[in-house]
């Protein structure tokens, strides 16, 4: 038997690129002995105090809601709920194009069998201490000059990979094999090229 390999993913429901990476990792699980653990990070936390254009600041101000809901669900039911809750939130936001609202949170929570009252966490800053701890657990592994997604393969974590569309089937496994190979080298730090397409949600 082949041992199952654990991969850790830090996501912010706000980020379309984290969504693409998460869909890729779920595909990887189908073709490689891999299990993905989901963790919350926050672009709103990451960009606190930074001088940003008003439009970006408005988006990040709204970004507290979905991560607080995720943290509240995790606090009540454990980290295992994040996989399905993130899928429900991301499907509604990224695929269906809906904005993060109380109605969206309630529908997503109901979809995965969680109490819809958890939607109230979106406006509750009492969850921020746990949110910051989860965020810092991820970002401390890669440094403050990156965002989401962050993945960790073994002891090595990095930003990305940024993919569009998310690889499927065996191609997803091949891409993971490459990411694992890079992670196996302690001196690996960065691999990047300019994006030429937007997220393709298919």
N, C-alpha and C. Protein backbone atom coordinates (compact mmCIF):
# COMPACT_ATOMS: atom_id res chain seq x y z
N UNK A 1 0.83 -1.20 0.00
CA UNK A 1 0.00 0.00 0.00
C UNK A 1 0.87 1.26 0.00
N UNK A 2 0.42 2.27 -0.70
CA UNK A 2 1.13 3.54 -0.75
C UNK A 2 0.58 4.46 0.34
N UNK A 3 1.47 5.02 1.12
CA UNK A 3 1.04 5.92 2.19
C UNK A 3 0.41 7.18 1.61
N UNK A 4 -0.61 7.68 2.29
CA UNK A 4 -1.26 8.91 1.85
C UNK A 4 -0.41 10.11 2.26
N UNK A 5 -0.21 11.00 1.32
CA UNK A 5 0.59 12.21 1.55
C UNK A 5 -0.35 13.36 1.91
N UNK A 6 0.02 14.12 2.92
CA UNK A 6 -0.79 15.25 3.35
C UNK A 6 -0.28 16.54 2.71
N UNK A 7 -1.21 17.29 2.15
CA UNK A 7 -0.92 18.62 1.62
C UNK A 7 -1.80 19.60 2.38
N UNK A 8 -1.24 20.72 2.79
CA UNK A 8 -2.00 21.75 3.49
C UNK A 8 -2.23 22.93 2.57
N UNK A 9 -3.46 23.43 2.56
CA UNK A 9 -3.85 24.56 1.73
C UNK A 9 -4.45 25.65 2.60
N UNK A 10 -3.92 26.86 2.48
CA UNK A 10 -4.50 28.04 3.14
C UNK A 10 -5.23 28.84 2.08
N UNK A 11 -6.51 29.12 2.33
CA UNK A 11 -7.37 29.77 1.34
C UNK A 11 -8.09 30.97 1.95
N UNK A 12 -8.44 31.90 1.09
CA UNK A 12 -9.39 32.95 1.41
C UNK A 12 -10.52 32.81 0.40
N UNK A 13 -11.78 32.65 0.85
CA UNK A 13 -12.88 32.48 -0.10
C UNK A 13 -13.01 33.62 -1.10
N UNK A 14 -12.43 34.76 -0.77
CA UNK A 14 -12.48 35.92 -1.65
C UNK A 14 -11.66 35.73 -2.92
N UNK A 15 -10.62 34.92 -2.86
CA UNK A 15 -9.60 34.88 -3.91
C UNK A 15 -9.93 33.83 -4.98
N UNK A 16 -10.10 34.25 -6.24
CA UNK A 16 -10.39 33.28 -7.30
C UNK A 16 -9.23 32.34 -7.56
N UNK A 17 -8.00 32.80 -7.32
CA UNK A 17 -6.84 31.94 -7.59
C UNK A 17 -6.71 30.84 -6.54
N UNK A 18 -7.06 31.15 -5.30
CA UNK A 18 -7.10 30.11 -4.29
C UNK A 18 -8.15 29.06 -4.65
N UNK A 19 -9.28 29.53 -5.18
CA UNK A 19 -10.33 28.61 -5.61
C UNK A 19 -9.80 27.65 -6.69
N UNK A 20 -9.09 28.19 -7.67
CA UNK A 20 -8.55 27.35 -8.75
C UNK A 20 -7.58 26.32 -8.18
N UNK A 21 -6.71 26.75 -7.27
CA UNK A 21 -5.74 25.83 -6.69
C UNK A 21 -6.43 24.74 -5.88
N UNK A 22 -7.48 25.12 -5.16
CA UNK A 22 -8.20 24.12 -4.36
C UNK A 22 -8.88 23.09 -5.25
N UNK A 23 -9.42 23.53 -6.39
CA UNK A 23 -10.07 22.58 -7.30
C UNK A 23 -9.03 21.63 -7.90
N UNK A 24 -7.84 22.15 -8.18
CA UNK A 24 -6.75 21.30 -8.67
C UNK A 24 -6.38 20.24 -7.64
N UNK A 25 -6.23 20.64 -6.36
CA UNK A 25 -5.85 19.68 -5.33
C UNK A 25 -6.91 18.61 -5.13
N UNK A 26 -8.18 18.98 -5.26
CA UNK A 26 -9.23 17.97 -5.16
C UNK A 26 -9.14 16.97 -6.32
N UNK A 27 -8.73 17.46 -7.49
CA UNK A 27 -8.49 16.55 -8.62
C UNK A 27 -7.30 15.65 -8.34
N UNK A 28 -6.26 16.23 -7.75
CA UNK A 28 -5.06 15.44 -7.43
C UNK A 28 -5.43 14.27 -6.54
N UNK A 29 -6.32 14.51 -5.59
CA UNK A 29 -6.72 13.44 -4.67
C UNK A 29 -7.31 12.23 -5.40
N UNK A 30 -7.84 12.46 -6.60
CA UNK A 30 -8.43 11.36 -7.36
C UNK A 30 -7.40 10.51 -8.09
N UNK A 31 -6.20 11.03 -8.27
CA UNK A 31 -5.20 10.30 -9.08
C UNK A 31 -3.88 10.08 -8.36
N UNK A 32 -3.75 10.61 -7.15
CA UNK A 32 -2.54 10.41 -6.35
C UNK A 32 -2.97 10.13 -4.90
N UNK A 33 -2.16 9.41 -4.13
CA UNK A 33 -2.50 9.15 -2.72
C UNK A 33 -2.25 10.39 -1.87
N UNK A 34 -3.09 11.40 -2.05
CA UNK A 34 -2.94 12.71 -1.43
C UNK A 34 -4.21 13.07 -0.69
N UNK A 35 -4.07 13.67 0.47
CA UNK A 35 -5.20 14.23 1.23
C UNK A 35 -4.90 15.69 1.53
N UNK A 36 -5.84 16.56 1.19
CA UNK A 36 -5.66 17.99 1.40
C UNK A 36 -6.33 18.43 2.69
N UNK A 37 -5.59 19.11 3.54
CA UNK A 37 -6.15 19.74 4.74
C UNK A 37 -6.37 21.22 4.44
N UNK A 38 -7.55 21.70 4.71
CA UNK A 38 -7.92 23.09 4.41
C UNK A 38 -7.76 23.97 5.65
N UNK A 39 -7.21 25.15 5.44
CA UNK A 39 -6.99 26.13 6.51
C UNK A 39 -7.39 27.51 5.99
N UNK A 40 -7.78 28.39 6.90
CA UNK A 40 -8.21 29.73 6.52
C UNK A 40 -7.04 30.71 6.62
N UNK A 41 -6.90 31.55 5.60
CA UNK A 41 -6.06 32.73 5.71
C UNK A 41 -6.89 33.90 5.20
N UNK A 42 -6.37 35.11 5.30
CA UNK A 42 -7.21 36.27 5.02
C UNK A 42 -6.44 37.37 4.33
N UNK A 43 -6.90 37.74 3.14
CA UNK A 43 -6.32 38.89 2.44
C UNK A 43 -6.63 40.18 3.19
N UNK A 44 -7.74 40.20 3.93
CA UNK A 44 -8.07 41.39 4.73
C UNK A 44 -7.06 41.59 5.85
N UNK A 45 -6.67 40.49 6.49
CA UNK A 45 -5.63 40.57 7.53
C UNK A 45 -4.30 40.95 6.90
N UNK A 46 -3.96 40.30 5.78
CA UNK A 46 -2.67 40.51 5.14
C UNK A 46 -2.47 41.97 4.72
N UNK A 47 -3.56 42.64 4.34
CA UNK A 47 -3.45 44.00 3.81
C UNK A 47 -3.88 45.09 4.78
N UNK A 48 -4.01 44.72 6.06
CA UNK A 48 -4.35 45.73 7.06
C UNK A 48 -3.29 46.82 7.10
N UNK A 49 -3.74 48.08 7.13
CA UNK A 49 -2.83 49.19 7.28
C UNK A 49 -2.09 49.59 6.03
N UNK A 50 -2.32 48.88 4.92
CA UNK A 50 -1.63 49.22 3.67
C UNK A 50 -2.40 50.28 2.90
N UNK A 51 -1.68 51.11 2.18
CA UNK A 51 -2.29 52.17 1.38
C UNK A 51 -2.73 51.57 0.06
N UNK A 52 -4.03 51.32 -0.07
CA UNK A 52 -4.57 50.66 -1.25
C UNK A 52 -5.58 51.56 -1.94
N UNK A 53 -5.83 51.37 -3.24
CA UNK A 53 -6.89 52.11 -3.92
C UNK A 53 -8.23 51.86 -3.23
N UNK A 54 -9.13 52.86 -3.24
CA UNK A 54 -10.41 52.70 -2.56
C UNK A 54 -11.20 51.46 -3.00
N UNK A 55 -11.12 51.11 -4.28
CA UNK A 55 -11.87 49.94 -4.75
C UNK A 55 -11.33 48.66 -4.12
N UNK A 56 -10.00 48.56 -4.00
CA UNK A 56 -9.40 47.39 -3.36
C UNK A 56 -9.73 47.35 -1.87
N UNK A 57 -9.69 48.52 -1.23
CA UNK A 57 -9.99 48.57 0.19
C UNK A 57 -11.43 48.14 0.45
N UNK A 58 -12.35 48.54 -0.44
CA UNK A 58 -13.76 48.17 -0.28
C UNK A 58 -13.93 46.66 -0.35
N UNK A 59 -13.24 46.03 -1.30
CA UNK A 59 -13.32 44.57 -1.44
C UNK A 59 -12.78 43.89 -0.19
N UNK A 60 -11.64 44.37 0.30
CA UNK A 60 -11.03 43.74 1.47
C UNK A 60 -11.84 43.99 2.74
N UNK A 61 -12.51 45.13 2.82
CA UNK A 61 -13.38 45.37 3.97
C UNK A 61 -14.53 44.36 3.99
N UNK A 62 -15.02 43.99 2.81
CA UNK A 62 -16.07 42.97 2.73
C UNK A 62 -15.51 41.57 2.95
N UNK A 63 -14.20 41.44 2.79
CA UNK A 63 -13.58 40.12 2.87
C UNK A 63 -13.54 39.52 4.26
N UNK A 64 -13.81 40.31 5.31
CA UNK A 64 -13.82 39.77 6.66
C UNK A 64 -14.96 38.76 6.85
N UNK A 65 -16.07 38.98 6.18
CA UNK A 65 -17.25 38.15 6.38
C UNK A 65 -17.04 36.67 6.11
N UNK A 66 -16.63 36.28 4.91
CA UNK A 66 -16.52 34.85 4.62
C UNK A 66 -15.48 34.13 5.45
N UNK A 67 -14.36 34.78 5.77
CA UNK A 67 -13.35 34.08 6.57
C UNK A 67 -13.82 33.91 8.01
N UNK A 68 -14.56 34.88 8.54
CA UNK A 68 -15.11 34.73 9.89
C UNK A 68 -16.11 33.58 9.94
N UNK A 69 -16.93 33.46 8.92
CA UNK A 69 -17.90 32.36 8.88
C UNK A 69 -17.17 31.02 8.88
N UNK A 70 -16.10 30.92 8.10
CA UNK A 70 -15.31 29.69 8.06
C UNK A 70 -14.69 29.38 9.42
N UNK A 71 -14.14 30.41 10.06
CA UNK A 71 -13.51 30.20 11.37
C UNK A 71 -14.55 29.80 12.41
N UNK A 72 -15.74 30.41 12.35
CA UNK A 72 -16.80 30.06 13.29
C UNK A 72 -17.23 28.60 13.10
N UNK A 73 -17.36 28.18 11.86
CA UNK A 73 -17.74 26.79 11.58
C UNK A 73 -16.66 25.84 12.08
N UNK A 74 -15.41 26.22 11.86
CA UNK A 74 -14.30 25.39 12.34
C UNK A 74 -14.30 25.30 13.86
N UNK A 75 -14.58 26.42 14.54
CA UNK A 75 -14.58 26.43 16.00
C UNK A 75 -15.63 25.49 16.56
N UNK A 76 -16.77 25.40 15.90
CA UNK A 76 -17.86 24.56 16.41
C UNK A 76 -17.75 23.10 15.97
N UNK A 77 -17.17 22.86 14.79
CA UNK A 77 -17.25 21.51 14.21
C UNK A 77 -15.89 20.92 13.82
N UNK A 78 -14.82 21.67 14.01
CA UNK A 78 -13.51 21.16 13.66
C UNK A 78 -13.11 21.52 12.24
N UNK A 79 -11.82 21.41 11.94
CA UNK A 79 -11.32 21.83 10.63
C UNK A 79 -11.84 21.00 9.47
N UNK A 80 -12.38 19.81 9.74
CA UNK A 80 -12.87 18.96 8.66
C UNK A 80 -14.02 19.59 7.89
N UNK A 81 -14.74 20.54 8.52
CA UNK A 81 -15.88 21.15 7.84
C UNK A 81 -15.45 22.14 6.76
N UNK A 82 -14.20 22.58 6.80
CA UNK A 82 -13.77 23.64 5.90
C UNK A 82 -13.80 23.21 4.43
N UNK A 83 -13.44 21.97 4.16
CA UNK A 83 -13.42 21.49 2.78
C UNK A 83 -14.78 21.70 2.10
N UNK A 84 -15.84 21.18 2.72
CA UNK A 84 -17.16 21.27 2.10
C UNK A 84 -17.74 22.68 2.18
N UNK A 85 -17.48 23.38 3.29
CA UNK A 85 -18.01 24.74 3.41
C UNK A 85 -17.35 25.66 2.39
N UNK A 86 -16.04 25.54 2.24
CA UNK A 86 -15.34 26.35 1.24
C UNK A 86 -15.87 26.04 -0.15
N UNK A 87 -16.12 24.77 -0.45
CA UNK A 87 -16.66 24.41 -1.75
C UNK A 87 -18.02 25.05 -1.97
N UNK A 88 -18.85 25.04 -0.94
CA UNK A 88 -20.19 25.64 -1.07
C UNK A 88 -20.09 27.16 -1.25
N UNK A 89 -19.25 27.81 -0.43
CA UNK A 89 -19.08 29.27 -0.56
C UNK A 89 -18.50 29.63 -1.91
N UNK A 90 -17.44 28.91 -2.31
CA UNK A 90 -16.76 29.23 -3.56
C UNK A 90 -17.61 28.98 -4.78
N UNK A 91 -18.41 27.93 -4.76
CA UNK A 91 -19.29 27.65 -5.89
C UNK A 91 -20.28 28.79 -6.09
N UNK A 92 -20.83 29.27 -4.98
CA UNK A 92 -21.81 30.36 -5.08
C UNK A 92 -21.15 31.67 -5.52
N UNK A 93 -19.95 31.93 -5.00
CA UNK A 93 -19.30 33.21 -5.29
C UNK A 93 -18.57 33.18 -6.64
N UNK A 94 -17.69 32.21 -6.84
CA UNK A 94 -16.85 32.22 -8.03
C UNK A 94 -17.55 31.64 -9.26
N UNK A 95 -18.29 30.58 -9.08
CA UNK A 95 -18.93 29.93 -10.23
C UNK A 95 -20.26 30.59 -10.57
N UNK A 96 -21.08 30.82 -9.56
CA UNK A 96 -22.40 31.41 -9.81
C UNK A 96 -22.38 32.93 -9.84
N UNK A 97 -21.27 33.54 -9.39
CA UNK A 97 -21.12 34.99 -9.48
C UNK A 97 -21.88 35.78 -8.44
N UNK A 98 -22.22 35.17 -7.30
CA UNK A 98 -22.97 35.85 -6.25
C UNK A 98 -22.02 36.55 -5.28
N UNK A 99 -22.44 37.67 -4.75
CA UNK A 99 -21.64 38.40 -3.77
C UNK A 99 -21.81 37.75 -2.40
N UNK A 100 -20.81 37.96 -1.55
CA UNK A 100 -20.89 37.46 -0.19
C UNK A 100 -21.87 38.30 0.61
N UNK A 101 -22.99 37.69 0.95
CA UNK A 101 -24.04 38.33 1.73
C UNK A 101 -24.53 37.35 2.79
N UNK A 102 -25.35 37.84 3.70
CA UNK A 102 -25.92 36.96 4.71
C UNK A 102 -26.70 35.83 4.05
N UNK A 103 -27.41 36.13 2.98
CA UNK A 103 -28.18 35.10 2.29
C UNK A 103 -27.26 34.02 1.71
N UNK A 104 -26.16 34.45 1.10
CA UNK A 104 -25.21 33.47 0.55
C UNK A 104 -24.65 32.58 1.65
N UNK A 105 -24.23 33.19 2.77
CA UNK A 105 -23.67 32.41 3.87
C UNK A 105 -24.68 31.37 4.36
N UNK A 106 -25.93 31.79 4.52
CA UNK A 106 -26.95 30.88 5.03
C UNK A 106 -27.20 29.72 4.07
N UNK A 107 -27.23 30.03 2.80
CA UNK A 107 -27.45 28.96 1.82
C UNK A 107 -26.29 27.99 1.81
N UNK A 108 -25.06 28.52 1.85
CA UNK A 108 -23.88 27.66 1.83
C UNK A 108 -23.83 26.79 3.08
N UNK A 109 -24.13 27.37 4.23
CA UNK A 109 -24.13 26.61 5.48
C UNK A 109 -25.19 25.50 5.43
N UNK A 110 -26.36 25.84 4.94
CA UNK A 110 -27.42 24.84 4.83
C UNK A 110 -27.04 23.73 3.88
N UNK A 111 -26.36 24.07 2.81
CA UNK A 111 -25.95 23.08 1.81
C UNK A 111 -25.07 21.99 2.40
N UNK A 112 -24.28 22.35 3.42
CA UNK A 112 -23.35 21.38 4.01
C UNK A 112 -23.81 20.91 5.38
N UNK A 113 -25.07 21.20 5.71
CA UNK A 113 -25.66 20.67 6.93
C UNK A 113 -25.24 21.37 8.20
N UNK A 114 -24.82 22.64 8.09
CA UNK A 114 -24.43 23.41 9.26
C UNK A 114 -25.52 24.41 9.61
N UNK A 115 -25.55 24.82 10.87
CA UNK A 115 -26.56 25.76 11.33
C UNK A 115 -26.43 27.09 10.61
N UNK A 116 -27.52 27.58 10.07
CA UNK A 116 -27.48 28.85 9.32
C UNK A 116 -27.18 30.03 10.24
N UNK A 117 -27.35 29.85 11.55
CA UNK A 117 -27.05 30.93 12.50
C UNK A 117 -25.58 31.30 12.47
N UNK A 118 -24.72 30.41 11.97
CA UNK A 118 -23.30 30.72 11.87
C UNK A 118 -23.03 31.88 10.92
N UNK A 119 -24.00 32.22 10.09
CA UNK A 119 -23.84 33.36 9.17
C UNK A 119 -23.60 34.66 9.93
N UNK A 120 -24.11 34.75 11.15
CA UNK A 120 -23.94 35.97 11.95
C UNK A 120 -22.47 36.23 12.28
N UNK A 121 -21.64 35.21 12.18
CA UNK A 121 -20.21 35.38 12.46
C UNK A 121 -19.55 36.36 11.51
N UNK A 122 -20.14 36.56 10.34
CA UNK A 122 -19.56 37.46 9.34
C UNK A 122 -19.32 38.86 9.89
N UNK A 123 -20.14 39.27 10.83
CA UNK A 123 -20.03 40.62 11.39
C UNK A 123 -19.54 40.60 12.83
N UNK A 124 -18.95 39.49 13.25
CA UNK A 124 -18.54 39.32 14.64
C UNK A 124 -17.01 39.28 14.77
N UNK A 125 -16.41 40.39 15.21
CA UNK A 125 -14.95 40.45 15.31
C UNK A 125 -14.37 39.57 16.41
N UNK A 126 -15.21 38.94 17.23
CA UNK A 126 -14.68 38.07 18.27
C UNK A 126 -13.98 36.84 17.67
N UNK A 127 -14.23 36.56 16.39
CA UNK A 127 -13.56 35.44 15.72
C UNK A 127 -12.20 35.83 15.14
N UNK A 128 -11.85 37.10 15.24
CA UNK A 128 -10.65 37.57 14.55
C UNK A 128 -9.36 37.05 15.16
N UNK A 129 -9.35 36.79 16.46
CA UNK A 129 -8.13 36.25 17.07
C UNK A 129 -7.80 34.87 16.49
N UNK A 130 -8.81 34.02 16.39
CA UNK A 130 -8.61 32.69 15.80
C UNK A 130 -8.30 32.80 14.32
N UNK A 131 -8.93 33.75 13.64
CA UNK A 131 -8.65 33.98 12.23
C UNK A 131 -7.19 34.37 12.01
N UNK A 132 -6.71 35.30 12.83
CA UNK A 132 -5.32 35.74 12.69
C UNK A 132 -4.35 34.60 12.98
N UNK A 133 -4.69 33.76 13.94
CA UNK A 133 -3.80 32.63 14.25
C UNK A 133 -3.72 31.67 13.08
N UNK A 134 -4.84 31.38 12.45
CA UNK A 134 -4.84 30.49 11.29
C UNK A 134 -4.10 31.12 10.12
N UNK A 135 -4.36 32.41 9.90
CA UNK A 135 -3.66 33.14 8.84
C UNK A 135 -2.16 33.14 9.07
N UNK A 136 -1.75 33.44 10.28
CA UNK A 136 -0.31 33.53 10.57
C UNK A 136 0.37 32.17 10.46
N UNK A 137 -0.35 31.11 10.76
CA UNK A 137 0.21 29.77 10.61
C UNK A 137 0.61 29.50 9.17
N UNK A 138 -0.20 30.02 8.23
CA UNK A 138 0.14 29.84 6.82
C UNK A 138 1.17 30.83 6.31
N UNK A 139 0.94 32.12 6.57
CA UNK A 139 1.78 33.14 5.97
C UNK A 139 3.18 33.13 6.56
N UNK A 140 3.33 32.68 7.80
CA UNK A 140 4.65 32.63 8.40
C UNK A 140 5.56 31.63 7.71
N UNK A 141 4.98 30.71 6.96
CA UNK A 141 5.77 29.71 6.26
C UNK A 141 6.34 30.22 4.96
N UNK A 142 5.76 31.32 4.45
CA UNK A 142 6.16 31.80 3.12
C UNK A 142 6.61 33.26 3.09
N UNK A 143 6.24 34.05 4.11
CA UNK A 143 6.62 35.46 4.13
C UNK A 143 5.47 36.36 3.75
N UNK A 144 5.57 37.61 4.16
CA UNK A 144 4.48 38.57 4.01
C UNK A 144 4.32 39.11 2.59
N UNK A 145 5.25 38.80 1.69
CA UNK A 145 5.20 39.40 0.35
C UNK A 145 4.43 38.55 -0.64
N UNK A 146 3.66 37.58 -0.16
CA UNK A 146 2.80 36.79 -1.04
C UNK A 146 1.38 36.84 -0.48
N UNK A 147 0.47 36.22 -1.20
CA UNK A 147 -0.91 36.21 -0.76
C UNK A 147 -1.44 34.79 -0.69
N UNK A 148 -2.67 34.60 -1.15
CA UNK A 148 -3.30 33.29 -1.14
C UNK A 148 -3.48 32.83 -2.58
N UNK A 149 -3.31 31.57 -2.87
CA UNK A 149 -3.20 30.44 -1.94
C UNK A 149 -1.78 30.19 -1.46
N UNK A 150 -1.69 29.56 -0.31
CA UNK A 150 -0.43 28.99 0.18
C UNK A 150 -0.65 27.50 0.32
N UNK A 151 0.29 26.71 -0.20
CA UNK A 151 0.21 25.27 0.03
C UNK A 151 1.52 24.80 0.66
N UNK A 152 1.43 23.74 1.43
CA UNK A 152 2.60 23.12 2.02
C UNK A 152 2.62 21.66 1.64
N UNK A 153 3.72 21.24 1.04
CA UNK A 153 3.96 19.84 0.72
C UNK A 153 5.12 19.41 1.59
N UNK A 154 4.82 18.58 2.58
CA UNK A 154 5.85 18.25 3.55
C UNK A 154 6.21 19.47 4.36
N UNK A 155 7.51 19.73 4.48
CA UNK A 155 7.98 20.86 5.28
C UNK A 155 8.15 22.14 4.48
N UNK A 156 7.89 22.09 3.17
CA UNK A 156 8.11 23.25 2.31
C UNK A 156 6.77 23.84 1.89
N UNK A 157 6.60 25.14 2.12
CA UNK A 157 5.39 25.84 1.73
C UNK A 157 5.74 26.91 0.72
N UNK A 158 4.78 27.21 -0.15
CA UNK A 158 4.98 28.28 -1.13
C UNK A 158 3.65 28.82 -1.59
N UNK A 159 3.68 30.00 -2.18
CA UNK A 159 2.51 30.63 -2.78
C UNK A 159 2.20 29.92 -4.09
N UNK A 160 0.92 29.67 -4.30
CA UNK A 160 0.52 29.04 -5.55
C UNK A 160 0.35 27.54 -5.41
N UNK A 161 0.40 26.81 -6.52
CA UNK A 161 0.56 27.34 -7.87
C UNK A 161 -0.70 28.06 -8.36
N UNK A 162 -0.50 29.08 -9.18
CA UNK A 162 -1.58 29.82 -9.79
C UNK A 162 -1.87 29.17 -11.14
N UNK A 163 -3.06 28.62 -11.28
CA UNK A 163 -3.40 27.87 -12.49
C UNK A 163 -4.77 28.30 -13.00
N UNK A 164 -4.94 28.25 -14.32
CA UNK A 164 -6.24 28.54 -14.92
C UNK A 164 -6.28 27.95 -16.33
N UNK A 165 -7.20 27.02 -16.58
CA UNK A 165 -8.14 26.43 -15.63
C UNK A 165 -7.43 25.42 -14.72
N UNK A 166 -8.12 24.91 -13.73
CA UNK A 166 -7.54 23.91 -12.84
C UNK A 166 -7.32 22.62 -13.62
N UNK A 167 -6.10 22.06 -13.57
CA UNK A 167 -5.85 20.79 -14.27
C UNK A 167 -6.77 19.70 -13.75
N UNK A 168 -7.13 18.79 -14.64
CA UNK A 168 -8.04 17.71 -14.27
C UNK A 168 -7.40 16.36 -14.59
N UNK A 169 -7.90 15.33 -13.92
CA UNK A 169 -7.46 13.97 -14.20
C UNK A 169 -5.97 13.79 -14.00
N UNK A 170 -5.38 12.99 -14.85
CA UNK A 170 -3.96 12.69 -14.73
C UNK A 170 -3.10 13.94 -14.89
N UNK A 171 -3.57 14.92 -15.67
CA UNK A 171 -2.80 16.16 -15.80
C UNK A 171 -2.66 16.85 -14.45
N UNK A 172 -3.69 16.78 -13.62
CA UNK A 172 -3.60 17.34 -12.27
C UNK A 172 -2.51 16.63 -11.49
N UNK A 173 -2.43 15.32 -11.65
CA UNK A 173 -1.39 14.55 -10.96
C UNK A 173 0.00 14.90 -11.44
N UNK A 174 0.16 15.10 -12.74
CA UNK A 174 1.46 15.46 -13.29
C UNK A 174 1.93 16.81 -12.77
N UNK A 175 1.01 17.78 -12.71
CA UNK A 175 1.35 19.09 -12.17
C UNK A 175 1.75 18.96 -10.70
N UNK A 176 1.03 18.13 -9.95
CA UNK A 176 1.38 17.92 -8.55
C UNK A 176 2.75 17.27 -8.41
N UNK A 177 3.06 16.32 -9.29
CA UNK A 177 4.37 15.68 -9.25
C UNK A 177 5.47 16.74 -9.38
N UNK A 178 5.25 17.72 -10.26
CA UNK A 178 6.23 18.79 -10.43
C UNK A 178 6.34 19.67 -9.20
N UNK A 179 5.18 19.99 -8.60
CA UNK A 179 5.20 20.81 -7.39
C UNK A 179 5.91 20.07 -6.26
N UNK A 180 5.66 18.78 -6.15
CA UNK A 180 6.31 18.00 -5.12
C UNK A 180 7.82 17.95 -5.35
N UNK A 181 8.23 17.81 -6.60
CA UNK A 181 9.66 17.77 -6.91
C UNK A 181 10.34 19.08 -6.51
N UNK A 182 9.70 20.22 -6.80
CA UNK A 182 10.27 21.50 -6.38
C UNK A 182 10.33 21.61 -4.87
N UNK A 183 9.28 21.15 -4.21
CA UNK A 183 9.24 21.23 -2.75
C UNK A 183 10.30 20.35 -2.09
N UNK A 184 10.78 19.35 -2.82
CA UNK A 184 11.77 18.44 -2.24
C UNK A 184 13.16 19.06 -2.16
N UNK A 185 13.34 20.20 -2.85
CA UNK A 185 14.65 20.87 -2.85
C UNK A 185 14.61 22.06 -1.91
N UNK A 186 15.42 22.00 -0.87
CA UNK A 186 15.41 23.02 0.17
C UNK A 186 15.73 24.41 -0.38
N UNK A 187 16.45 24.48 -1.47
CA UNK A 187 16.84 25.78 -2.03
C UNK A 187 15.82 26.38 -2.97
N UNK A 188 14.67 25.73 -3.17
CA UNK A 188 13.65 26.28 -4.06
C UNK A 188 12.90 27.42 -3.38
N UNK A 189 12.76 28.55 -4.09
CA UNK A 189 12.04 29.69 -3.54
C UNK A 189 10.96 30.24 -4.46
N UNK A 190 11.19 30.31 -5.76
CA UNK A 190 10.22 31.04 -6.58
C UNK A 190 10.27 30.54 -8.02
N UNK A 191 9.08 30.50 -8.63
CA UNK A 191 8.93 30.18 -10.04
C UNK A 191 7.71 30.96 -10.51
N UNK A 192 7.85 31.83 -11.50
CA UNK A 192 6.74 32.73 -11.82
C UNK A 192 6.82 33.18 -13.27
N UNK A 193 5.64 33.39 -13.88
CA UNK A 193 5.54 34.08 -15.16
C UNK A 193 4.28 34.92 -15.15
N UNK A 194 4.20 35.90 -16.03
CA UNK A 194 3.05 36.80 -16.06
C UNK A 194 1.80 36.05 -16.49
N UNK A 195 0.68 36.35 -15.85
CA UNK A 195 -0.59 35.72 -16.20
C UNK A 195 -1.11 36.28 -17.51
N UNK A 196 -1.62 35.44 -18.36
CA UNK A 196 -2.18 35.87 -19.64
C UNK A 196 -3.66 35.56 -19.74
N UNK A 197 -4.26 35.05 -18.66
CA UNK A 197 -5.71 34.76 -18.67
C UNK A 197 -6.27 34.93 -17.27
N UNK A 198 -7.55 35.13 -17.24
CA UNK A 198 -8.27 35.23 -15.98
C UNK A 198 -8.65 33.83 -15.50
N UNK A 199 -9.14 33.70 -14.27
CA UNK A 199 -9.59 32.38 -13.81
C UNK A 199 -10.68 31.82 -14.73
N UNK A 200 -10.53 30.57 -15.11
CA UNK A 200 -11.53 29.89 -15.94
C UNK A 200 -12.24 28.88 -15.06
N UNK A 201 -13.48 29.17 -14.72
CA UNK A 201 -14.25 28.32 -13.82
C UNK A 201 -15.05 27.33 -14.65
N UNK A 202 -14.49 26.15 -14.84
CA UNK A 202 -15.22 25.15 -15.61
C UNK A 202 -15.26 23.83 -14.89
